[in-house]
Amino acid sequence: MGHEQASTTLNRYTHTPDDYAARVLAAFEGFAASLLPPTLETPPGGDLDDDGESL
């Protein structure tokens, strides 16, 4: 960028706003959810056999 020291360039051009992470997550939230397969919900007690003991 023409600065004498690399640290000047890094300090000037590499800062991010305070809410940057939240904005990135919000932007990808809907898109990322569309990439995941639908989840199957396990009914309550679904991992127990007839006498209530764990399988």
N, C-alpha and C. Protein backbone atom coordinates (compact mmCIF):
# COMPACT_ATOMS: atom_id res chain seq x y z
N MET A 1 0.82 -1.19 0.00
CA MET A 1 0.00 0.00 0.00
C MET A 1 0.87 1.26 0.00
N GLY A 2 2.15 1.07 -0.01
CA GLY A 2 3.03 2.21 -0.07
C GLY A 2 3.47 2.74 1.28
N HIS A 3 3.06 2.11 2.38
CA HIS A 3 3.49 2.56 3.70
C HIS A 3 4.90 2.06 3.97
N GLU A 4 5.64 2.82 4.74
CA GLU A 4 7.01 2.46 5.05
C GLU A 4 7.10 1.17 5.86
N GLN A 5 6.17 0.99 6.80
CA GLN A 5 6.17 -0.21 7.63
C GLN A 5 4.90 -1.02 7.37
N ALA A 6 5.04 -2.33 7.32
CA ALA A 6 3.89 -3.21 7.10
C ALA A 6 2.86 -3.05 8.22
N SER A 7 3.33 -2.79 9.43
CA SER A 7 2.39 -2.65 10.56
C SER A 7 1.44 -1.47 10.35
N THR A 8 1.87 -0.43 9.66
CA THR A 8 0.99 0.70 9.37
C THR A 8 -0.16 0.24 8.49
N THR A 9 0.14 -0.54 7.47
CA THR A 9 -0.89 -1.07 6.57
C THR A 9 -1.84 -1.98 7.34
N LEU A 10 -1.28 -2.89 8.13
CA LEU A 10 -2.12 -3.82 8.88
C LEU A 10 -3.02 -3.10 9.87
N ASN A 11 -2.49 -2.14 10.58
CA ASN A 11 -3.29 -1.40 11.56
C ASN A 11 -4.38 -0.57 10.90
N ARG A 12 -4.11 -0.06 9.74
CA ARG A 12 -5.07 0.81 9.07
C ARG A 12 -6.18 0.03 8.38
N TYR A 13 -5.86 -1.11 7.78
CA TYR A 13 -6.82 -1.78 6.90
C TYR A 13 -7.36 -3.12 7.41
N THR A 14 -6.97 -3.57 8.56
CA THR A 14 -7.43 -4.89 9.01
C THR A 14 -8.34 -4.85 10.22
N HIS A 15 -8.89 -3.72 10.56
CA HIS A 15 -9.81 -3.67 11.70
C HIS A 15 -11.21 -4.11 11.24
N THR A 16 -12.00 -4.57 12.17
CA THR A 16 -13.38 -4.96 11.87
C THR A 16 -14.31 -4.26 12.85
N PRO A 17 -15.55 -4.02 12.43
CA PRO A 17 -16.51 -3.40 13.34
C PRO A 17 -16.82 -4.33 14.52
N ASP A 18 -17.31 -3.75 15.61
CA ASP A 18 -17.62 -4.54 16.80
C ASP A 18 -18.67 -5.62 16.54
N ASP A 19 -19.62 -5.34 15.66
CA ASP A 19 -20.68 -6.31 15.41
C ASP A 19 -20.41 -7.19 14.19
N TYR A 20 -19.17 -7.27 13.76
CA TYR A 20 -18.80 -8.01 12.55
C TYR A 20 -19.19 -9.48 12.64
N ALA A 21 -18.83 -10.14 13.73
CA ALA A 21 -19.12 -11.57 13.87
C ALA A 21 -20.63 -11.83 13.84
N ALA A 22 -21.39 -11.01 14.51
CA ALA A 22 -22.84 -11.19 14.51
C ALA A 22 -23.43 -10.99 13.11
N ARG A 23 -22.89 -10.04 12.36
CA ARG A 23 -23.37 -9.79 11.01
C ARG A 23 -23.04 -10.94 10.07
N VAL A 24 -21.86 -11.51 10.22
CA VAL A 24 -21.47 -12.66 9.39
C VAL A 24 -22.35 -13.86 9.71
N LEU A 25 -22.56 -14.14 10.99
CA LEU A 25 -23.41 -15.26 11.38
C LEU A 25 -24.83 -15.08 10.86
N ALA A 26 -25.36 -13.88 10.95
CA ALA A 26 -26.72 -13.62 10.47
C ALA A 26 -26.82 -13.83 8.96
N ALA A 27 -25.78 -13.46 8.23
CA ALA A 27 -25.79 -13.61 6.78
C ALA A 27 -25.78 -15.08 6.37
N PHE A 28 -25.06 -15.90 7.11
CA PHE A 28 -24.95 -17.31 6.75
C PHE A 28 -25.99 -18.20 7.40
N GLU A 29 -26.69 -17.70 8.39
CA GLU A 29 -27.61 -18.53 9.16
C GLU A 29 -28.63 -19.25 8.28
N GLY A 30 -29.34 -18.53 7.46
CA GLY A 30 -30.36 -19.15 6.62
C GLY A 30 -29.75 -20.05 5.56
N PHE A 31 -28.65 -19.63 4.97
CA PHE A 31 -28.01 -20.41 3.92
C PHE A 31 -27.46 -21.72 4.47
N ALA A 32 -26.79 -21.66 5.59
CA ALA A 32 -26.20 -22.86 6.17
C ALA A 32 -27.27 -23.86 6.58
N ALA A 33 -28.38 -23.38 7.09
CA ALA A 33 -29.46 -24.26 7.49
C ALA A 33 -30.01 -25.02 6.29
N SER A 34 -29.99 -24.41 5.11
CA SER A 34 -30.51 -25.08 3.93
C SER A 34 -29.57 -26.19 3.46
N LEU A 35 -28.32 -26.21 3.91
CA LEU A 35 -27.37 -27.23 3.52
C LEU A 35 -27.46 -28.49 4.38
N LEU A 36 -28.03 -28.36 5.56
CA LEU A 36 -28.12 -29.48 6.48
C LEU A 36 -29.30 -30.37 6.14
N PRO A 37 -29.15 -31.68 6.31
CA PRO A 37 -30.30 -32.56 6.07
C PRO A 37 -31.35 -32.35 7.15
N PRO A 38 -32.60 -32.62 6.83
CA PRO A 38 -33.65 -32.46 7.85
C PRO A 38 -33.39 -33.43 9.01
N THR A 39 -33.67 -32.97 10.21
CA THR A 39 -33.44 -33.81 11.38
C THR A 39 -34.72 -34.57 11.72
N LEU A 40 -34.54 -35.76 12.21
CA LEU A 40 -35.67 -36.56 12.67
C LEU A 40 -35.73 -36.43 14.18
N GLU A 41 -36.86 -36.02 14.67
CA GLU A 41 -37.00 -35.86 16.11
C GLU A 41 -37.29 -37.22 16.75
N THR A 42 -36.60 -37.49 17.84
CA THR A 42 -36.85 -38.72 18.59
C THR A 42 -37.97 -38.46 19.57
N PRO A 43 -39.01 -39.31 19.55
CA PRO A 43 -40.11 -39.09 20.50
C PRO A 43 -39.62 -39.27 21.93
N PRO A 44 -40.25 -38.60 22.87
CA PRO A 44 -39.84 -38.74 24.27
C PRO A 44 -39.85 -40.20 24.68
N GLY A 45 -38.78 -40.64 25.33
CA GLY A 45 -38.69 -42.03 25.77
C GLY A 45 -38.37 -42.98 24.63
N GLY A 46 -37.99 -42.47 23.49
CA GLY A 46 -37.73 -43.30 22.32
C GLY A 46 -36.53 -44.21 22.47
N ASP A 47 -35.67 -43.94 23.43
CA ASP A 47 -34.50 -44.79 23.60
C ASP A 47 -34.67 -45.79 24.75
N LEU A 48 -35.91 -46.01 25.16
CA LEU A 48 -36.21 -46.97 26.23
C LEU A 48 -36.98 -48.13 25.67
N ASP A 49 -36.79 -49.35 26.25
CA ASP A 49 -37.60 -50.47 25.81
C ASP A 49 -38.89 -50.52 26.60
N ASP A 50 -39.66 -51.61 26.47
CA ASP A 50 -40.99 -51.70 27.05
C ASP A 50 -41.03 -51.56 28.57
N ASP A 51 -39.98 -52.00 29.26
CA ASP A 51 -40.00 -51.89 30.72
C ASP A 51 -39.34 -50.62 31.24
N GLY A 52 -39.04 -49.67 30.34
CA GLY A 52 -38.52 -48.39 30.75
C GLY A 52 -37.02 -48.34 30.96
N GLU A 53 -36.34 -49.45 30.61
CA GLU A 53 -34.89 -49.47 30.76
C GLU A 53 -34.23 -49.04 29.47
N SER A 54 -33.07 -48.47 29.61
CA SER A 54 -32.32 -47.98 28.46
C SER A 54 -31.89 -49.16 27.59
N LEU A 55 -31.88 -48.98 26.29
CA LEU A 55 -31.49 -50.05 25.37
C LEU A 55 -30.02 -50.25 25.34
